[in-house]
N, C-alpha and C. Protein backbone atom coordinates (compact mmCIF):
# COMPACT_ATOMS: atom_id res chain seq x y z
N MET A 1 0.86 -1.14 -0.01
CA MET A 1 0.01 0.03 -0.01
C MET A 1 0.90 1.21 0.01
N SER A 2 0.50 2.20 -0.75
CA SER A 2 1.24 3.46 -0.83
C SER A 2 1.32 4.21 0.48
N ALA A 3 2.39 4.79 0.72
CA ALA A 3 2.63 5.54 1.98
C ALA A 3 1.61 6.71 2.11
N THR A 4 1.23 7.28 0.89
CA THR A 4 0.25 8.35 0.90
C THR A 4 -1.20 7.94 0.84
N LEU A 5 -1.43 6.65 0.94
CA LEU A 5 -2.75 6.13 0.78
C LEU A 5 -3.74 6.61 1.83
N ILE A 6 -3.29 6.52 3.11
CA ILE A 6 -4.17 6.80 4.17
C ILE A 6 -3.77 8.12 4.89
N ILE A 7 -4.83 8.92 5.17
CA ILE A 7 -4.57 10.06 6.02
C ILE A 7 -5.56 9.96 7.24
N MET A 8 -5.04 10.35 8.37
CA MET A 8 -5.81 10.28 9.60
C MET A 8 -6.62 11.59 9.80
N LEU A 9 -7.76 11.38 10.36
CA LEU A 9 -8.64 12.58 10.60
C LEU A 9 -8.89 12.70 12.11
N ASP A 10 -9.08 13.91 12.53
CA ASP A 10 -9.48 14.19 13.88
C ASP A 10 -10.96 13.74 14.07
N SER A 11 -11.21 12.85 14.95
CA SER A 11 -12.57 12.27 15.11
C SER A 11 -13.54 13.36 15.59
N HIS A 12 -13.15 14.48 16.02
CA HIS A 12 -13.96 15.53 16.52
C HIS A 12 -14.38 16.51 15.40
N LEU A 13 -13.86 16.34 14.21
CA LEU A 13 -14.19 17.23 13.11
C LEU A 13 -15.48 16.75 12.40
N PRO A 14 -16.30 17.64 11.95
CA PRO A 14 -17.50 17.21 11.21
C PRO A 14 -17.13 16.55 9.81
N GLU A 15 -15.89 16.76 9.31
CA GLU A 15 -15.52 16.15 8.02
C GLU A 15 -15.57 14.67 8.17
N SER A 16 -15.35 14.10 9.39
CA SER A 16 -15.30 12.67 9.50
C SER A 16 -16.69 12.02 9.15
N ASP A 17 -17.75 12.67 9.47
CA ASP A 17 -19.11 12.18 9.07
C ASP A 17 -19.25 12.25 7.55
N LEU A 18 -18.81 13.39 7.01
CA LEU A 18 -18.87 13.50 5.58
C LEU A 18 -18.04 12.47 4.88
N LEU A 19 -16.90 12.15 5.45
CA LEU A 19 -15.99 11.15 4.92
C LEU A 19 -16.70 9.79 4.85
N LYS A 20 -17.43 9.47 5.94
CA LYS A 20 -18.10 8.19 6.02
C LYS A 20 -19.20 8.13 4.94
N VAL A 21 -19.87 9.26 4.67
CA VAL A 21 -20.95 9.26 3.72
C VAL A 21 -20.41 9.11 2.29
N LEU A 22 -19.19 9.75 2.02
CA LEU A 22 -18.67 9.76 0.67
C LEU A 22 -17.69 8.71 0.38
N LEU A 23 -16.84 8.42 1.29
CA LEU A 23 -15.67 7.51 1.02
C LEU A 23 -16.15 6.06 0.96
N GLU A 24 -16.95 5.67 1.88
CA GLU A 24 -17.37 4.21 1.92
C GLU A 24 -18.03 3.84 0.54
N PRO A 25 -18.99 4.52 0.09
CA PRO A 25 -19.58 4.09 -1.24
C PRO A 25 -18.59 4.29 -2.38
N LEU A 26 -17.70 5.26 -2.30
CA LEU A 26 -16.71 5.39 -3.35
C LEU A 26 -15.77 4.17 -3.41
N LEU A 27 -15.35 3.72 -2.22
CA LEU A 27 -14.50 2.58 -2.20
C LEU A 27 -15.17 1.33 -2.74
N GLU A 28 -16.46 1.14 -2.40
CA GLU A 28 -17.27 0.11 -2.91
C GLU A 28 -17.40 0.13 -4.42
N ASP A 29 -17.60 1.40 -4.99
CA ASP A 29 -17.60 1.54 -6.47
C ASP A 29 -16.30 1.16 -7.08
N PHE A 30 -15.16 1.60 -6.49
CA PHE A 30 -13.88 1.19 -7.03
C PHE A 30 -13.77 -0.39 -7.00
N GLN A 31 -14.15 -1.00 -5.95
CA GLN A 31 -14.08 -2.45 -5.91
C GLN A 31 -14.93 -3.10 -6.98
N TYR A 32 -16.11 -2.53 -7.18
CA TYR A 32 -17.01 -3.13 -8.16
C TYR A 32 -16.34 -2.98 -9.60
N TRP A 33 -15.91 -1.79 -9.95
CA TRP A 33 -15.35 -1.56 -11.26
C TRP A 33 -14.05 -2.30 -11.50
N PHE A 34 -13.20 -2.42 -10.46
CA PHE A 34 -11.99 -3.18 -10.60
C PHE A 34 -12.29 -4.66 -10.81
N SER A 35 -13.32 -5.13 -10.04
CA SER A 35 -13.71 -6.53 -10.27
C SER A 35 -14.23 -6.79 -11.65
N GLN A 36 -15.00 -5.90 -12.19
CA GLN A 36 -15.49 -6.03 -13.53
C GLN A 36 -14.35 -6.00 -14.58
N ALA A 37 -13.42 -5.11 -14.33
CA ALA A 37 -12.30 -5.02 -15.16
C ALA A 37 -11.45 -6.32 -15.23
N ARG A 38 -11.22 -6.86 -13.99
CA ARG A 38 -10.50 -8.11 -13.86
C ARG A 38 -11.10 -9.24 -14.59
N LEU A 39 -12.43 -9.39 -14.47
CA LEU A 39 -13.20 -10.40 -15.24
C LEU A 39 -12.95 -10.29 -16.71
N ARG A 40 -13.00 -9.10 -17.21
CA ARG A 40 -12.85 -8.81 -18.68
C ARG A 40 -11.39 -9.14 -19.06
N LEU A 41 -10.46 -8.65 -18.29
CA LEU A 41 -9.07 -8.76 -18.64
C LEU A 41 -8.53 -10.22 -18.47
N GLU A 42 -9.08 -10.93 -17.47
CA GLU A 42 -8.63 -12.26 -17.26
C GLU A 42 -9.25 -13.31 -18.28
N GLY A 43 -10.41 -12.95 -18.76
CA GLY A 43 -11.22 -13.87 -19.60
C GLY A 43 -11.06 -13.75 -21.09
N ASN A 44 -10.49 -12.71 -21.54
CA ASN A 44 -10.51 -12.38 -22.96
C ASN A 44 -9.24 -11.68 -23.44
N GLN A 45 -8.87 -11.93 -24.66
CA GLN A 45 -7.78 -11.04 -25.30
C GLN A 45 -8.61 -9.88 -25.91
N LEU A 46 -8.33 -8.71 -25.46
CA LEU A 46 -9.15 -7.58 -25.81
C LEU A 46 -8.61 -6.82 -26.97
N GLN A 47 -9.50 -6.32 -27.81
CA GLN A 47 -9.18 -5.50 -29.02
C GLN A 47 -8.40 -4.28 -28.49
N GLY A 48 -7.34 -3.92 -29.29
CA GLY A 48 -6.59 -2.70 -28.98
C GLY A 48 -5.43 -2.94 -28.01
N LEU A 49 -5.32 -4.11 -27.37
CA LEU A 49 -4.27 -4.31 -26.40
C LEU A 49 -3.54 -5.60 -26.82
N ASP A 50 -2.24 -5.60 -26.89
CA ASP A 50 -1.47 -6.80 -27.06
C ASP A 50 -1.40 -7.51 -25.68
N GLN A 51 -0.87 -8.76 -25.70
CA GLN A 51 -0.92 -9.49 -24.44
C GLN A 51 -0.15 -8.84 -23.36
N GLU A 52 1.01 -8.19 -23.68
CA GLU A 52 1.84 -7.49 -22.69
C GLU A 52 1.08 -6.30 -22.09
N GLN A 53 0.38 -5.54 -22.93
CA GLN A 53 -0.41 -4.36 -22.44
C GLN A 53 -1.51 -4.84 -21.57
N GLN A 54 -2.22 -5.91 -21.96
CA GLN A 54 -3.26 -6.41 -21.19
C GLN A 54 -2.82 -6.93 -19.86
N SER A 55 -1.72 -7.61 -19.85
CA SER A 55 -1.20 -8.16 -18.61
C SER A 55 -0.75 -7.02 -17.68
N GLU A 56 -0.17 -5.98 -18.24
CA GLU A 56 0.27 -4.81 -17.41
C GLU A 56 -1.01 -4.10 -16.85
N LEU A 57 -1.99 -3.94 -17.65
CA LEU A 57 -3.22 -3.30 -17.15
C LEU A 57 -3.88 -4.19 -16.07
N LEU A 58 -3.93 -5.52 -16.27
CA LEU A 58 -4.43 -6.39 -15.29
C LEU A 58 -3.64 -6.28 -13.97
N GLY A 59 -2.33 -6.22 -14.05
CA GLY A 59 -1.50 -6.05 -12.88
C GLY A 59 -1.81 -4.84 -12.12
N ARG A 60 -2.03 -3.71 -12.85
CA ARG A 60 -2.34 -2.42 -12.14
C ARG A 60 -3.72 -2.55 -11.53
N VAL A 61 -4.69 -3.21 -12.22
CA VAL A 61 -6.05 -3.35 -11.59
C VAL A 61 -5.97 -4.16 -10.33
N GLU A 62 -5.20 -5.29 -10.42
CA GLU A 62 -5.04 -6.14 -9.25
C GLU A 62 -4.40 -5.38 -8.07
N GLN A 63 -3.43 -4.59 -8.29
CA GLN A 63 -2.77 -3.78 -7.24
C GLN A 63 -3.73 -2.76 -6.65
N ALA A 64 -4.42 -2.07 -7.54
CA ALA A 64 -5.37 -1.10 -7.10
C ALA A 64 -6.47 -1.77 -6.25
N GLN A 65 -6.92 -2.93 -6.64
CA GLN A 65 -7.95 -3.62 -5.85
C GLN A 65 -7.46 -3.99 -4.53
N LYS A 66 -6.16 -4.42 -4.41
CA LYS A 66 -5.58 -4.69 -3.08
C LYS A 66 -5.53 -3.44 -2.25
N ASP A 67 -5.13 -2.35 -2.87
CA ASP A 67 -4.99 -1.08 -2.13
C ASP A 67 -6.38 -0.61 -1.63
N VAL A 68 -7.40 -0.77 -2.47
CA VAL A 68 -8.78 -0.37 -2.09
C VAL A 68 -9.22 -1.26 -0.98
N SER A 69 -8.92 -2.56 -1.02
CA SER A 69 -9.32 -3.45 0.08
C SER A 69 -8.66 -3.07 1.40
N ALA A 70 -7.35 -2.67 1.30
CA ALA A 70 -6.68 -2.24 2.51
C ALA A 70 -7.29 -0.94 3.02
N ALA A 71 -7.61 0.01 2.21
CA ALA A 71 -8.25 1.22 2.67
C ALA A 71 -9.59 0.92 3.27
N GLN A 72 -10.40 0.01 2.68
CA GLN A 72 -11.68 -0.38 3.27
C GLN A 72 -11.55 -0.97 4.61
N SER A 73 -10.55 -1.85 4.78
CA SER A 73 -10.34 -2.52 6.05
C SER A 73 -9.99 -1.45 7.11
N LEU A 74 -9.04 -0.57 6.74
CA LEU A 74 -8.66 0.50 7.74
C LEU A 74 -9.75 1.40 8.04
N PHE A 75 -10.62 1.71 7.05
CA PHE A 75 -11.78 2.58 7.26
C PHE A 75 -12.70 1.92 8.22
N ARG A 76 -12.95 0.62 8.08
CA ARG A 76 -13.86 -0.07 9.00
C ARG A 76 -13.28 -0.16 10.35
N VAL A 77 -12.03 -0.56 10.45
CA VAL A 77 -11.37 -0.74 11.80
C VAL A 77 -11.31 0.51 12.56
N THR A 78 -11.16 1.67 11.92
CA THR A 78 -11.05 2.88 12.66
C THR A 78 -12.34 3.65 12.66
N ASN A 79 -13.46 2.93 12.34
CA ASN A 79 -14.79 3.52 12.36
C ASN A 79 -14.84 4.82 11.53
N GLY A 80 -14.26 4.79 10.35
CA GLY A 80 -14.35 5.92 9.46
C GLY A 80 -13.45 7.10 9.78
N GLN A 81 -12.40 6.80 10.59
CA GLN A 81 -11.53 7.93 10.99
C GLN A 81 -10.24 8.04 10.11
N VAL A 82 -10.23 7.35 9.06
CA VAL A 82 -9.18 7.46 8.10
C VAL A 82 -9.71 7.73 6.69
N GLY A 83 -8.89 8.39 5.94
CA GLY A 83 -9.32 8.69 4.56
C GLY A 83 -8.27 8.26 3.54
N VAL A 84 -8.49 8.51 2.37
CA VAL A 84 -7.55 8.24 1.24
C VAL A 84 -7.06 9.56 0.71
N ASP A 85 -5.82 9.68 0.54
CA ASP A 85 -5.20 10.86 -0.06
C ASP A 85 -5.75 11.07 -1.46
N THR A 86 -6.11 12.34 -1.80
CA THR A 86 -6.79 12.66 -3.00
C THR A 86 -5.97 12.25 -4.21
N PRO A 87 -4.72 12.38 -4.30
CA PRO A 87 -3.99 11.87 -5.51
C PRO A 87 -4.14 10.40 -5.73
N VAL A 88 -4.25 9.62 -4.65
CA VAL A 88 -4.45 8.22 -4.78
C VAL A 88 -5.89 7.92 -5.39
N VAL A 89 -6.89 8.61 -4.85
CA VAL A 89 -8.23 8.46 -5.38
C VAL A 89 -8.25 8.83 -6.82
N MET A 90 -7.55 9.89 -7.26
CA MET A 90 -7.51 10.25 -8.64
C MET A 90 -6.85 9.16 -9.49
N GLN A 91 -5.82 8.55 -9.01
CA GLN A 91 -5.15 7.48 -9.70
C GLN A 91 -6.13 6.32 -9.96
N TRP A 92 -6.91 5.98 -8.88
CA TRP A 92 -7.85 4.91 -9.01
C TRP A 92 -8.92 5.27 -10.07
N HIS A 93 -9.39 6.53 -9.95
CA HIS A 93 -10.36 7.00 -10.94
C HIS A 93 -9.86 6.92 -12.35
N GLN A 94 -8.60 7.33 -12.54
CA GLN A 94 -7.99 7.30 -13.87
C GLN A 94 -7.92 5.85 -14.38
N LEU A 95 -7.58 4.93 -13.51
CA LEU A 95 -7.51 3.53 -13.90
C LEU A 95 -8.89 2.96 -14.23
N VAL A 96 -9.84 3.32 -13.47
CA VAL A 96 -11.24 2.96 -13.88
C VAL A 96 -11.64 3.48 -15.21
N SER A 97 -11.30 4.74 -15.44
CA SER A 97 -11.58 5.32 -16.76
C SER A 97 -10.86 4.58 -17.88
N GLU A 98 -9.64 4.22 -17.66
CA GLU A 98 -8.90 3.47 -18.67
C GLU A 98 -9.58 2.11 -18.93
N CYS A 99 -10.00 1.45 -17.93
CA CYS A 99 -10.67 0.15 -18.00
C CYS A 99 -12.00 0.29 -18.77
N TRP A 100 -12.72 1.43 -18.50
CA TRP A 100 -13.93 1.66 -19.23
C TRP A 100 -13.66 1.84 -20.72
N GLN A 101 -12.60 2.59 -21.07
CA GLN A 101 -12.21 2.83 -22.45
C GLN A 101 -11.90 1.48 -23.16
N VAL A 102 -11.22 0.62 -22.49
CA VAL A 102 -10.84 -0.72 -23.02
C VAL A 102 -12.15 -1.53 -23.19
N ALA A 103 -13.01 -1.52 -22.26
CA ALA A 103 -14.27 -2.28 -22.41
C ALA A 103 -15.09 -1.67 -23.53
N MET A 104 -15.19 -0.34 -23.68
CA MET A 104 -15.93 0.19 -24.78
C MET A 104 -15.35 -0.20 -26.09
N ALA A 105 -14.10 -0.18 -26.23
CA ALA A 105 -13.42 -0.64 -27.50
C ALA A 105 -13.78 -2.08 -27.81
N ALA A 106 -13.75 -2.87 -26.75
CA ALA A 106 -14.09 -4.28 -26.97
C ALA A 106 -15.59 -4.52 -27.40
N ARG A 107 -16.43 -3.67 -26.82
CA ARG A 107 -17.86 -3.76 -27.15
C ARG A 107 -18.09 -3.29 -28.60
N LEU A 108 -17.31 -2.33 -29.04
CA LEU A 108 -17.44 -1.80 -30.37
C LEU A 108 -16.97 -2.79 -31.42
N ASN A 109 -16.06 -3.69 -31.02
CA ASN A 109 -15.54 -4.71 -31.94
C ASN A 109 -15.59 -6.04 -31.23
N PRO A 110 -16.81 -6.56 -31.00
CA PRO A 110 -16.99 -7.81 -30.27
C PRO A 110 -16.33 -9.08 -30.89
N SER A 111 -16.08 -9.04 -32.25
CA SER A 111 -15.49 -10.18 -32.87
C SER A 111 -14.17 -10.54 -32.37
N SER A 112 -13.38 -9.61 -31.84
CA SER A 112 -12.08 -9.87 -31.33
C SER A 112 -12.08 -10.42 -29.90
N GLU A 113 -13.13 -10.21 -29.16
CA GLU A 113 -13.25 -10.64 -27.81
C GLU A 113 -13.34 -12.21 -27.79
N GLY A 114 -12.63 -12.81 -26.95
CA GLY A 114 -12.63 -14.26 -26.78
C GLY A 114 -11.53 -14.94 -27.55
N GLU A 115 -10.89 -14.21 -28.44
CA GLU A 115 -9.73 -14.79 -29.19
C GLU A 115 -8.50 -14.70 -28.32
N LYS A 116 -7.77 -15.77 -28.31
CA LYS A 116 -6.54 -15.93 -27.49
C LYS A 116 -5.43 -16.34 -28.33
């Protein structure tokens, strides 16, 4: 897990309640989209990616999924008193967007999906 992944919050600040409302569902969304990306990347040779690119993308998705799991665990254990550094959230968002683009390209050319 990245050293900048987790930031501690003062439990007496009102931001901690806001963090619970926003961060928990966001982490769940990241888990969902990374799981969907893994299924697609593990099960098919995708249009627009050679095997090395697909393997590299899958590795980044797997690492991000582990990092999100760690953040979720810390979030639960501390009762919502930790957050995720904004640049890390942005990296995850960028990775999700990249996975969406790959999935969209595969949907636009379904004949290539499933070829190995």
